[in-house]
Amino acid sequence: GHVQLPAPQNVTLLSKDFDMFLTWAPGEGSPPNVTYTVRYESQERMGKWIKVPHCKNIHTTSCNLTCVLSNLFVKVRARVKAVSGRYQSPWVESQFKEYHLDVELAPPVLKVNVKENAIHVNASFPLASCVESFPWMYDLNLWEAGSEDKKQYEGIFRKNTVTIDTTALRGNYCLSARSSFQSIDFKHSKFSQPVCVLLNTKG
């Protein structure tokens, strides 16, 4: 008879840190040398499963689909099968997701440059090249360490620098930012870990 490999389990299409991934777990009782192959299908062309060249015969249990997707504004699903020698498992499919609607954001990384009477702040985002052109924004908070009173700078375009006049500020000030993105509603990441700087303290 035809021997089948155990099918991959927990096959999930998920978004994390600006990327879209297919993840899965090995089927129970899988041989150690098993590899996996992934394909995806878009709602634009149902029934046509598209190969993912970098996720063919891989040993890992995830596949980054972000820049493979032909249209980031259309729902897609993916499927995976296990292969070992001449044996293979059945395909197992994920649920449908759409990058544009379902993308999960990561906090940006802040670069803070302290000048004599100003701070220049840049936010960098760990983005895949194919989503660089999306209208990513960020919100920035500035506050005196120990204070709850935060000055907010909202809706700054990703590549723009924020210049803050620090002439009147003295002491330890902290900055934190979150990524934001407008799809059907506004999405936000968590705020980044604060970066704190000493301002205008003599000595």
N, C-alpha and C. Protein backbone atom coordinates (compact mmCIF):
# COMPACT_ATOMS: atom_id res chain seq x y z
N GLY A 1 0.83 -1.20 0.00
CA GLY A 1 0.00 0.00 0.00
C GLY A 1 0.86 1.25 0.00
N HIS A 2 0.22 2.39 -0.19
CA HIS A 2 0.94 3.67 -0.27
C HIS A 2 1.14 4.21 1.14
N VAL A 3 2.39 4.40 1.55
CA VAL A 3 2.67 4.92 2.89
C VAL A 3 2.67 6.44 2.84
N GLN A 4 1.91 7.06 3.74
CA GLN A 4 1.90 8.52 3.80
C GLN A 4 2.64 8.99 5.03
N LEU A 5 3.30 10.15 4.90
CA LEU A 5 3.94 10.75 6.08
C LEU A 5 2.86 11.45 6.91
N PRO A 6 3.11 11.61 8.22
CA PRO A 6 2.18 12.39 9.04
C PRO A 6 2.11 13.83 8.51
N ALA A 7 0.89 14.38 8.47
CA ALA A 7 0.71 15.74 7.93
C ALA A 7 1.19 16.78 8.95
N PRO A 8 1.73 17.91 8.48
CA PRO A 8 2.08 19.02 9.38
C PRO A 8 0.85 19.45 10.20
N GLN A 9 1.10 19.91 11.41
CA GLN A 9 0.02 20.33 12.31
C GLN A 9 0.08 21.83 12.58
N ASN A 10 -1.03 22.34 13.11
CA ASN A 10 -1.12 23.76 13.51
C ASN A 10 -0.64 24.68 12.38
N VAL A 11 -1.11 24.45 11.17
CA VAL A 11 -0.68 25.25 10.02
C VAL A 11 -1.38 26.61 10.11
N THR A 12 -0.59 27.67 10.26
CA THR A 12 -1.15 28.99 10.55
C THR A 12 -0.47 30.05 9.69
N LEU A 13 -1.29 30.90 9.09
CA LEU A 13 -0.77 32.08 8.39
C LEU A 13 -0.85 33.21 9.39
N LEU A 14 0.30 33.81 9.72
CA LEU A 14 0.25 34.86 10.72
C LEU A 14 1.16 36.01 10.32
N SER A 15 0.85 37.17 10.89
CA SER A 15 1.66 38.34 10.64
C SER A 15 2.37 38.72 11.92
N LYS A 16 3.66 39.04 11.79
CA LYS A 16 4.41 39.49 12.96
C LYS A 16 5.51 40.43 12.48
N ASP A 17 5.65 41.56 13.15
CA ASP A 17 6.74 42.50 12.86
C ASP A 17 6.82 42.84 11.37
N PHE A 18 5.68 43.22 10.80
CA PHE A 18 5.58 43.68 9.40
C PHE A 18 5.65 42.56 8.37
N ASP A 19 5.84 41.30 8.79
CA ASP A 19 5.97 40.21 7.82
C ASP A 19 4.79 39.25 7.91
N MET A 20 4.55 38.52 6.81
CA MET A 20 3.52 37.49 6.77
C MET A 20 4.21 36.13 6.68
N PHE A 21 3.91 35.25 7.62
CA PHE A 21 4.56 33.94 7.70
C PHE A 21 3.55 32.82 7.64
N LEU A 22 3.96 31.70 7.08
CA LEU A 22 3.25 30.45 7.32
C LEU A 22 4.08 29.68 8.35
N THR A 23 3.43 29.22 9.41
CA THR A 23 4.14 28.41 10.41
C THR A 23 3.40 27.09 10.60
N TRP A 24 4.11 26.08 11.06
CA TRP A 24 3.50 24.78 11.31
C TRP A 24 4.36 24.00 12.28
N ALA A 25 3.84 22.86 12.73
CA ALA A 25 4.61 21.95 13.59
C ALA A 25 4.71 20.62 12.85
N PRO A 26 5.79 19.85 13.07
CA PRO A 26 5.90 18.54 12.42
C PRO A 26 4.74 17.64 12.84
N GLY A 27 4.28 16.82 11.91
CA GLY A 27 3.25 15.84 12.26
C GLY A 27 3.78 14.87 13.30
N GLU A 28 2.88 14.35 14.13
CA GLU A 28 3.31 13.42 15.18
C GLU A 28 3.94 12.17 14.55
N GLY A 29 5.12 11.80 15.02
CA GLY A 29 5.78 10.61 14.49
C GLY A 29 6.48 10.85 13.15
N SER A 30 6.77 12.12 12.83
CA SER A 30 7.50 12.41 11.58
C SER A 30 8.93 11.87 11.67
N PRO A 31 9.48 11.36 10.56
CA PRO A 31 10.90 10.95 10.57
C PRO A 31 11.79 12.19 10.74
N PRO A 32 13.02 12.01 11.22
CA PRO A 32 13.88 13.16 11.50
C PRO A 32 14.31 13.93 10.25
N ASN A 33 14.39 13.25 9.10
CA ASN A 33 14.95 13.91 7.91
C ASN A 33 13.89 14.54 7.02
N VAL A 34 12.72 14.84 7.59
CA VAL A 34 11.61 15.31 6.76
C VAL A 34 11.86 16.76 6.31
N THR A 35 11.44 17.09 5.09
CA THR A 35 11.50 18.48 4.61
C THR A 35 10.08 18.92 4.25
N TYR A 36 9.93 20.24 4.03
CA TYR A 36 8.60 20.80 3.79
C TYR A 36 8.59 21.65 2.52
N THR A 37 7.44 21.65 1.87
CA THR A 37 7.26 22.48 0.69
C THR A 37 5.97 23.28 0.85
N VAL A 38 6.04 24.57 0.50
CA VAL A 38 4.92 25.49 0.71
C VAL A 38 4.44 26.04 -0.63
N ARG A 39 3.13 26.20 -0.75
CA ARG A 39 2.54 26.95 -1.88
C ARG A 39 1.49 27.89 -1.32
N TYR A 40 1.10 28.89 -2.15
CA TYR A 40 0.03 29.76 -1.68
C TYR A 40 -0.98 29.99 -2.80
N GLU A 41 -2.17 30.43 -2.38
CA GLU A 41 -3.27 30.67 -3.31
C GLU A 41 -3.87 32.02 -2.96
N SER A 42 -4.18 32.82 -3.98
CA SER A 42 -4.77 34.14 -3.75
C SER A 42 -6.24 34.11 -4.16
N GLN A 43 -7.06 34.91 -3.50
CA GLN A 43 -8.49 34.94 -3.85
C GLN A 43 -8.73 35.52 -5.24
N GLU A 44 -7.71 36.16 -5.80
CA GLU A 44 -7.85 36.62 -7.20
C GLU A 44 -7.91 35.44 -8.16
N ARG A 45 -7.19 34.36 -7.82
CA ARG A 45 -7.12 33.19 -8.72
C ARG A 45 -7.26 31.92 -7.91
N MET A 46 -8.48 31.67 -7.47
CA MET A 46 -8.73 30.49 -6.65
C MET A 46 -8.41 29.23 -7.45
N GLY A 47 -7.85 28.24 -6.75
CA GLY A 47 -7.55 26.97 -7.41
C GLY A 47 -6.17 26.92 -8.05
N LYS A 48 -5.50 28.08 -8.12
CA LYS A 48 -4.13 28.08 -8.66
C LYS A 48 -3.15 28.23 -7.50
N TRP A 49 -2.46 27.14 -7.17
CA TRP A 49 -1.50 27.15 -6.06
C TRP A 49 -0.13 27.52 -6.61
N ILE A 50 0.44 28.59 -6.08
CA ILE A 50 1.68 29.15 -6.63
C ILE A 50 2.87 28.67 -5.79
N LYS A 51 3.91 28.24 -6.48
CA LYS A 51 5.11 27.74 -5.79
C LYS A 51 5.84 28.89 -5.09
N VAL A 52 6.50 28.55 -4.00
CA VAL A 52 7.31 29.52 -3.26
C VAL A 52 8.75 29.00 -3.32
N PRO A 53 9.57 29.53 -4.25
CA PRO A 53 10.89 28.93 -4.51
C PRO A 53 11.77 28.78 -3.26
N HIS A 54 11.75 29.75 -2.35
CA HIS A 54 12.64 29.64 -1.18
C HIS A 54 12.06 28.76 -0.08
N CYS A 55 10.87 28.20 -0.30
CA CYS A 55 10.27 27.29 0.70
C CYS A 55 9.94 25.94 0.06
N LYS A 56 10.90 25.43 -0.69
CA LYS A 56 10.77 24.10 -1.29
C LYS A 56 11.82 23.21 -0.65
N ASN A 57 11.40 22.08 -0.11
CA ASN A 57 12.31 21.14 0.57
C ASN A 57 13.13 21.81 1.67
N ILE A 58 12.45 22.57 2.51
CA ILE A 58 13.15 23.25 3.62
C ILE A 58 13.02 22.41 4.89
N HIS A 59 13.97 22.60 5.81
CA HIS A 59 13.95 21.86 7.08
C HIS A 59 13.27 22.64 8.19
N THR A 60 13.13 23.96 8.01
CA THR A 60 12.52 24.78 9.06
C THR A 60 10.99 24.62 9.03
N THR A 61 10.33 25.12 10.08
CA THR A 61 8.87 24.99 10.16
C THR A 61 8.19 26.35 10.04
N SER A 62 8.80 27.22 9.22
CA SER A 62 8.12 28.47 8.88
C SER A 62 8.62 28.94 7.52
N CYS A 63 7.80 29.77 6.88
CA CYS A 63 8.14 30.28 5.54
C CYS A 63 7.67 31.72 5.48
N ASN A 64 8.59 32.64 5.15
CA ASN A 64 8.24 34.05 5.04
C ASN A 64 7.65 34.30 3.65
N LEU A 65 6.38 34.71 3.64
CA LEU A 65 5.68 34.89 2.36
C LEU A 65 5.55 36.35 1.96
N THR A 66 6.04 37.28 2.77
CA THR A 66 5.75 38.70 2.56
C THR A 66 5.96 39.14 1.11
N CYS A 67 7.17 38.98 0.61
CA CYS A 67 7.48 39.52 -0.71
C CYS A 67 7.19 38.53 -1.84
N VAL A 68 6.58 37.41 -1.51
CA VAL A 68 6.18 36.44 -2.54
C VAL A 68 4.77 36.79 -3.01
N LEU A 69 3.97 37.36 -2.12
CA LEU A 69 2.55 37.61 -2.43
C LEU A 69 2.45 38.58 -3.59
N SER A 70 1.65 38.20 -4.59
CA SER A 70 1.58 39.04 -5.79
C SER A 70 0.74 40.29 -5.54
N ASN A 71 -0.16 40.23 -4.56
CA ASN A 71 -1.01 41.39 -4.28
C ASN A 71 -1.22 41.47 -2.78
N LEU A 72 -0.75 42.55 -2.16
CA LEU A 72 -0.83 42.68 -0.71
C LEU A 72 -2.20 43.14 -0.24
N PHE A 73 -3.12 43.39 -1.20
CA PHE A 73 -4.46 43.87 -0.86
C PHE A 73 -5.53 42.80 -1.13
N VAL A 74 -5.11 41.55 -1.27
CA VAL A 74 -6.03 40.46 -1.56
C VAL A 74 -5.78 39.35 -0.55
N LYS A 75 -6.84 38.69 -0.13
CA LYS A 75 -6.68 37.60 0.83
C LYS A 75 -5.97 36.41 0.18
N VAL A 76 -5.07 35.80 0.94
CA VAL A 76 -4.36 34.62 0.47
C VAL A 76 -4.41 33.56 1.57
N ARG A 77 -4.17 32.33 1.17
CA ARG A 77 -3.91 31.27 2.15
C ARG A 77 -2.73 30.47 1.62
N ALA A 78 -2.15 29.67 2.49
CA ALA A 78 -0.99 28.88 2.08
C ALA A 78 -1.21 27.45 2.53
N ARG A 79 -0.40 26.55 1.96
CA ARG A 79 -0.48 25.15 2.37
C ARG A 79 0.92 24.57 2.41
N VAL A 80 1.07 23.51 3.17
CA VAL A 80 2.39 22.90 3.33
C VAL A 80 2.24 21.38 3.35
N LYS A 81 3.24 20.70 2.83
CA LYS A 81 3.27 19.23 2.93
C LYS A 81 4.66 18.81 3.38
N ALA A 82 4.73 17.63 4.00
CA ALA A 82 6.00 17.05 4.42
C ALA A 82 6.45 16.06 3.36
N VAL A 83 7.77 15.99 3.13
CA VAL A 83 8.35 15.08 2.14
C VAL A 83 9.54 14.38 2.78
N SER A 84 9.65 13.08 2.54
CA SER A 84 10.83 12.35 3.01
C SER A 84 11.08 11.22 2.00
N GLY A 85 12.20 11.33 1.27
CA GLY A 85 12.47 10.34 0.23
C GLY A 85 11.33 10.34 -0.77
N ARG A 86 10.73 9.13 -1.03
CA ARG A 86 9.64 9.13 -1.99
C ARG A 86 8.27 9.21 -1.31
N TYR A 87 8.28 9.46 0.00
CA TYR A 87 7.00 9.57 0.72
C TYR A 87 6.64 11.03 0.93
N GLN A 88 5.33 11.29 0.93
CA GLN A 88 4.90 12.64 1.28
C GLN A 88 3.60 12.60 2.05
N SER A 89 3.34 13.72 2.75
CA SER A 89 2.11 13.83 3.53
C SER A 89 1.05 14.50 2.66
N PRO A 90 -0.20 14.47 3.09
CA PRO A 90 -1.20 15.33 2.43
C PRO A 90 -0.85 16.81 2.65
N TRP A 91 -1.34 17.67 1.76
CA TRP A 91 -1.22 19.13 1.97
C TRP A 91 -2.12 19.53 3.14
N VAL A 92 -1.68 20.49 3.92
CA VAL A 92 -2.55 21.06 4.96
C VAL A 92 -2.62 22.57 4.73
N GLU A 93 -3.85 23.11 4.72
CA GLU A 93 -4.04 24.53 4.37
C GLU A 93 -4.25 25.40 5.60
N SER A 94 -3.84 26.65 5.45
CA SER A 94 -4.06 27.65 6.49
C SER A 94 -5.40 28.34 6.26
N GLN A 95 -5.74 29.24 7.14
CA GLN A 95 -6.88 30.13 6.93
C GLN A 95 -6.45 31.26 5.97
N PHE A 96 -7.41 32.06 5.52
CA PHE A 96 -7.11 33.21 4.64
C PHE A 96 -6.71 34.43 5.47
N LYS A 97 -5.73 35.17 4.94
CA LYS A 97 -5.34 36.44 5.56
C LYS A 97 -4.99 37.41 4.45
N GLU A 98 -5.07 38.70 4.76
CA GLU A 98 -4.64 39.72 3.80
C GLU A 98 -3.57 40.59 4.46
N TYR A 99 -2.47 40.77 3.77
CA TYR A 99 -1.37 41.53 4.37
C TYR A 99 -1.83 42.90 4.85
N HIS A 100 -2.45 43.65 3.94
CA HIS A 100 -2.82 45.03 4.22
C HIS A 100 -3.71 45.16 5.46
N LEU A 101 -4.65 44.23 5.61
CA LEU A 101 -5.58 44.30 6.75
C LEU A 101 -5.01 43.65 8.01
N ASP A 102 -4.22 42.60 7.85
CA ASP A 102 -3.85 41.76 8.98
C ASP A 102 -2.41 41.97 9.46
N VAL A 103 -1.67 42.86 8.79
CA VAL A 103 -0.28 43.05 9.18
C VAL A 103 -0.18 43.53 10.63
N GLU A 104 0.74 42.91 11.37
CA GLU A 104 1.00 43.33 12.74
C GLU A 104 2.30 44.11 12.79
N LEU A 105 2.26 45.23 13.47
CA LEU A 105 3.40 46.14 13.44
C LEU A 105 4.35 45.88 14.62
N ALA A 106 5.60 46.19 14.40
CA ALA A 106 6.60 46.16 15.48
C ALA A 106 6.94 47.60 15.84
N PRO A 107 7.38 47.83 17.07
CA PRO A 107 7.82 49.20 17.41
C PRO A 107 9.03 49.57 16.57
N PRO A 108 9.16 50.85 16.21
CA PRO A 108 10.35 51.27 15.48
C PRO A 108 11.56 51.35 16.42
N VAL A 109 12.73 51.40 15.84
CA VAL A 109 13.96 51.60 16.61
C VAL A 109 14.32 53.08 16.50
N LEU A 110 14.52 53.73 17.63
CA LEU A 110 14.79 55.18 17.62
C LEU A 110 16.28 55.46 17.58
N LYS A 111 16.65 56.43 16.72
CA LYS A 111 18.01 56.96 16.73
C LYS A 111 17.88 58.40 17.22
N VAL A 112 18.54 58.70 18.32
CA VAL A 112 18.40 60.01 18.95
C VAL A 112 19.74 60.72 18.90
N ASN A 113 19.73 61.92 18.34
CA ASN A 113 20.96 62.70 18.17
C ASN A 113 20.80 64.01 18.94
N VAL A 114 21.56 64.18 20.03
CA VAL A 114 21.42 65.37 20.88
C VAL A 114 22.38 66.45 20.40
N LYS A 115 21.83 67.59 20.04
CA LYS A 115 22.65 68.75 19.65
C LYS A 115 22.53 69.81 20.75
N GLU A 116 23.12 70.98 20.51
CA GLU A 116 23.17 71.95 21.62
C GLU A 116 21.79 72.33 22.12
N ASN A 117 20.90 72.79 21.24
CA ASN A 117 19.56 73.20 21.72
C ASN A 117 18.44 72.40 21.07
N ALA A 118 18.78 71.20 20.62
CA ALA A 118 17.75 70.41 19.93
C ALA A 118 18.08 68.92 20.01
N ILE A 119 17.03 68.12 19.86
CA ILE A 119 17.23 66.67 19.67
C ILE A 119 16.67 66.34 18.29
N HIS A 120 17.41 65.54 17.53
CA HIS A 120 16.91 65.03 16.24
C HIS A 120 16.58 63.56 16.43
N VAL A 121 15.36 63.18 16.08
CA VAL A 121 14.92 61.80 16.28
C VAL A 121 14.53 61.18 14.95
N ASN A 122 15.08 60.00 14.69
CA ASN A 122 14.70 59.20 13.51
C ASN A 122 14.17 57.87 13.98
N ALA A 123 13.20 57.35 13.26
CA ALA A 123 12.69 56.01 13.57
C ALA A 123 13.02 55.10 12.41
N SER A 124 13.58 53.93 12.70
CA SER A 124 13.81 52.98 11.62
C SER A 124 12.94 51.74 11.83
N PHE A 125 12.45 51.20 10.73
CA PHE A 125 11.49 50.10 10.75
C PHE A 125 12.13 48.90 10.07
N PRO A 126 11.99 47.70 10.64
CA PRO A 126 12.57 46.51 10.00
C PRO A 126 11.68 45.99 8.87
N LEU A 127 11.61 46.73 7.76
CA LEU A 127 10.65 46.41 6.71
C LEU A 127 11.27 45.60 5.58
N ALA A 128 10.50 44.67 5.06
CA ALA A 128 10.89 43.98 3.82
C ALA A 128 10.80 44.97 2.66
N SER A 129 11.64 44.80 1.65
CA SER A 129 11.71 45.78 0.55
C SER A 129 10.37 45.97 -0.15
N CYS A 130 9.58 44.90 -0.26
CA CYS A 130 8.32 45.01 -1.02
C CYS A 130 7.26 45.84 -0.29
N VAL A 131 7.43 46.12 1.00
CA VAL A 131 6.42 46.91 1.71
C VAL A 131 6.97 48.27 2.16
N GLU A 132 8.17 48.60 1.69
CA GLU A 132 8.78 49.91 2.00
C GLU A 132 7.86 51.06 1.60
N SER A 133 7.14 50.89 0.50
CA SER A 133 6.37 52.01 -0.04
C SER A 133 5.02 52.21 0.66
N PHE A 134 4.64 51.31 1.55
CA PHE A 134 3.39 51.51 2.28
C PHE A 134 3.50 52.79 3.12
N PRO A 135 2.37 53.45 3.41
CA PRO A 135 2.43 54.72 4.16
C PRO A 135 2.61 54.51 5.66
N TRP A 136 3.75 53.94 6.05
CA TRP A 136 4.04 53.73 7.47
C TRP A 136 4.28 55.06 8.15
N MET A 137 3.77 55.18 9.35
CA MET A 137 3.96 56.41 10.13
C MET A 137 4.46 56.01 11.51
N TYR A 138 4.78 57.02 12.30
CA TYR A 138 5.07 56.72 13.70
C TYR A 138 4.62 57.88 14.58
N ASP A 139 4.33 57.56 15.84
CA ASP A 139 3.98 58.53 16.87
C ASP A 139 5.12 58.53 17.88
N LEU A 140 5.44 59.71 18.37
CA LEU A 140 6.58 59.86 19.27
C LEU A 140 6.12 60.53 20.56
N ASN A 141 6.58 60.02 21.70
CA ASN A 141 6.31 60.66 22.99
C ASN A 141 7.62 61.15 23.60
N LEU A 142 7.54 62.32 24.23
CA LEU A 142 8.68 62.88 24.96
C LEU A 142 8.21 63.26 26.35
N TRP A 143 8.96 62.86 27.38
CA TRP A 143 8.56 63.23 28.73
C TRP A 143 9.79 63.31 29.63
N GLU A 144 9.64 64.04 30.71
CA GLU A 144 10.71 64.12 31.70
C GLU A 144 10.67 62.84 32.52
N ALA A 145 11.83 62.23 32.75
CA ALA A 145 11.89 60.96 33.49
C ALA A 145 11.16 61.12 34.83
N GLY A 146 10.30 60.16 35.13
CA GLY A 146 9.56 60.22 36.39
C GLY A 146 8.23 60.95 36.30
N SER A 147 8.01 61.64 35.19
CA SER A 147 6.76 62.40 35.02
C SER A 147 5.78 61.59 34.16
N GLU A 148 4.49 61.82 34.35
CA GLU A 148 3.47 61.15 33.53
C GLU A 148 3.06 62.04 32.36
N ASP A 149 3.57 63.26 32.36
CA ASP A 149 3.09 64.25 31.40
C ASP A 149 3.88 64.13 30.09
N LYS A 150 3.26 63.55 29.05
CA LYS A 150 3.98 63.26 27.81
C LYS A 150 3.60 64.23 26.71
N LYS A 151 4.61 64.76 26.04
CA LYS A 151 4.34 65.56 24.85
C LYS A 151 4.29 64.60 23.66
N GLN A 152 3.24 64.72 22.85
CA GLN A 152 3.03 63.76 21.77
C GLN A 152 3.23 64.41 20.40
N TYR A 153 3.91 63.68 19.54
CA TYR A 153 4.10 64.09 18.14
C TYR A 153 3.50 62.96 17.33
N GLU A 154 2.40 63.21 16.61
CA GLU A 154 1.66 62.10 16.00
C GLU A 154 1.71 62.14 14.48
N GLY A 155 1.62 60.95 13.88
CA GLY A 155 1.48 60.84 12.44
C GLY A 155 2.68 61.35 11.66
N ILE A 156 3.87 60.98 12.10
CA ILE A 156 5.08 61.43 11.40
C ILE A 156 5.42 60.39 10.33
N PHE A 157 5.65 60.85 9.11
CA PHE A 157 6.00 59.91 8.04
C PHE A 157 7.29 59.18 8.41
N ARG A 158 7.34 57.89 8.10
CA ARG A 158 8.42 57.01 8.54
C ARG A 158 9.82 57.59 8.33
N LYS A 159 10.06 58.22 7.18
CA LYS A 159 11.44 58.65 6.88
C LYS A 159 11.74 60.06 7.40
N ASN A 160 10.76 60.70 8.04
CA ASN A 160 10.99 62.07 8.48
C ASN A 160 11.64 62.12 9.86
N THR A 161 12.52 63.10 10.02
CA THR A 161 13.18 63.34 11.31
C THR A 161 12.34 64.33 12.11
N VAL A 162 12.24 64.09 13.40
CA VAL A 162 11.56 65.05 14.28
C VAL A 162 12.65 65.85 14.99
N THR A 163 12.53 67.18 14.91
CA THR A 163 13.48 68.05 15.61
C THR A 163 12.75 68.69 16.78
N ILE A 164 13.27 68.49 17.98
CA ILE A 164 12.63 69.02 19.18
C ILE A 164 13.53 70.09 19.77
N ASP A 165 12.97 71.27 20.00
CA ASP A 165 13.73 72.37 20.61
C ASP A 165 13.87 72.07 22.09
N THR A 166 15.11 72.00 22.57
CA THR A 166 15.33 71.62 23.97
C THR A 166 15.85 72.80 24.81
N THR A 167 15.75 74.01 24.26
CA THR A 167 16.30 75.18 24.97
C THR A 167 15.75 75.27 26.39
N ALA A 168 14.45 75.02 26.54
CA ALA A 168 13.81 75.20 27.86
C ALA A 168 13.82 73.92 28.70
N LEU A 169 14.40 72.84 28.18
CA LEU A 169 14.34 71.57 28.91
C LEU A 169 15.64 71.34 29.68
N ARG A 170 15.47 70.86 30.92
CA ARG A 170 16.64 70.56 31.73
C ARG A 170 16.45 69.23 32.43
N GLY A 171 17.49 68.38 32.41
CA GLY A 171 17.40 67.13 33.15
C GLY A 171 17.31 65.91 32.24
N ASN A 172 16.74 64.85 32.78
CA ASN A 172 16.69 63.56 32.09
C ASN A 172 15.35 63.43 31.35
N TYR A 173 15.41 63.34 30.02
CA TYR A 173 14.18 63.22 29.22
C TYR A 173 14.18 61.90 28.44
N CYS A 174 13.00 61.35 28.28
CA CYS A 174 12.88 60.05 27.62
C CYS A 174 12.00 60.15 26.38
N LEU A 175 12.32 59.30 25.41
CA LEU A 175 11.57 59.24 24.15
C LEU A 175 11.17 57.81 23.88
N SER A 176 9.98 57.66 23.31
CA SER A 176 9.50 56.34 22.94
C SER A 176 8.59 56.51 21.73
N ALA A 177 8.52 55.48 20.87
CA ALA A 177 7.70 55.63 19.66
C ALA A 177 6.96 54.35 19.35
N ARG A 178 5.89 54.48 18.58
CA ARG A 178 5.19 53.30 18.07
C ARG A 178 4.96 53.48 16.57
N SER A 179 4.90 52.38 15.86
CA SER A 179 4.58 52.40 14.44
C SER A 179 3.07 52.52 14.29
N SER A 180 2.63 53.19 13.24
CA SER A 180 1.20 53.24 12.97
C SER A 180 0.96 53.09 11.47
N PHE A 181 -0.23 52.66 11.14
CA PHE A 181 -0.55 52.36 9.75
C PHE A 181 -2.06 52.45 9.56
N GLN A 182 -2.47 53.16 8.53
CA GLN A 182 -3.89 53.32 8.26
C GLN A 182 -4.33 52.27 7.25
N SER A 183 -5.14 51.29 7.69
CA SER A 183 -5.80 50.43 6.70
C SER A 183 -7.27 50.79 6.79
N ILE A 184 -8.16 49.87 7.18
CA ILE A 184 -9.56 50.29 7.34
C ILE A 184 -9.68 51.14 8.59
N ASP A 185 -8.96 50.76 9.63
CA ASP A 185 -8.86 51.62 10.79
C ASP A 185 -7.37 51.80 11.10
N PHE A 186 -7.08 52.60 12.12
CA PHE A 186 -5.68 52.83 12.45
C PHE A 186 -5.14 51.67 13.25
N LYS A 187 -3.96 51.20 12.89
CA LYS A 187 -3.29 50.17 13.68
C LYS A 187 -2.07 50.77 14.32
N HIS A 188 -1.71 50.22 15.46
CA HIS A 188 -0.51 50.70 16.16
C HIS A 188 0.27 49.51 16.67
N SER A 189 1.57 49.69 16.76
CA SER A 189 2.39 48.71 17.48
C SER A 189 2.39 49.11 18.95
N LYS A 190 3.06 48.32 19.77
CA LYS A 190 3.35 48.77 21.14
C LYS A 190 4.40 49.88 21.04
N PHE A 191 4.56 50.62 22.14
CA PHE A 191 5.61 51.64 22.18
C PHE A 191 6.97 50.98 22.39
N SER A 192 7.99 51.59 21.80
CA SER A 192 9.35 51.06 21.94
C SER A 192 9.86 51.29 23.36
N GLN A 193 10.91 50.56 23.72
CA GLN A 193 11.58 50.80 25.01
C GLN A 193 12.08 52.25 25.02
N PRO A 194 11.90 52.96 26.12
CA PRO A 194 12.32 54.37 26.15
C PRO A 194 13.83 54.54 25.97
N VAL A 195 14.18 55.61 25.29
CA VAL A 195 15.59 56.04 25.17
C VAL A 195 15.67 57.35 25.96
N CYS A 196 16.57 57.41 26.94
CA CYS A 196 16.63 58.61 27.79
C CYS A 196 17.94 59.36 27.58
N VAL A 197 17.85 60.68 27.61
CA VAL A 197 19.03 61.53 27.37
C VAL A 197 19.05 62.67 28.40
N LEU A 198 20.25 63.08 28.77
CA LEU A 198 20.40 64.23 29.68
C LEU A 198 20.48 65.50 28.87
N LEU A 199 19.70 66.50 29.23
CA LEU A 199 19.65 67.76 28.48
C LEU A 199 20.09 68.93 29.33
N ASN A 200 20.95 69.74 28.74
CA ASN A 200 21.34 71.02 29.32
C ASN A 200 21.76 70.94 30.79
N THR A 201 22.44 69.87 31.17
CA THR A 201 22.94 69.82 32.55
C THR A 201 24.43 70.16 32.48
N LYS A 202 24.78 71.18 33.23
CA LYS A 202 26.17 71.62 33.21
C LYS A 202 27.03 70.65 34.02
N GLY A 203 28.25 70.43 33.60
CA GLY A 203 29.15 69.61 34.38
C GLY A 203 29.03 68.15 34.00
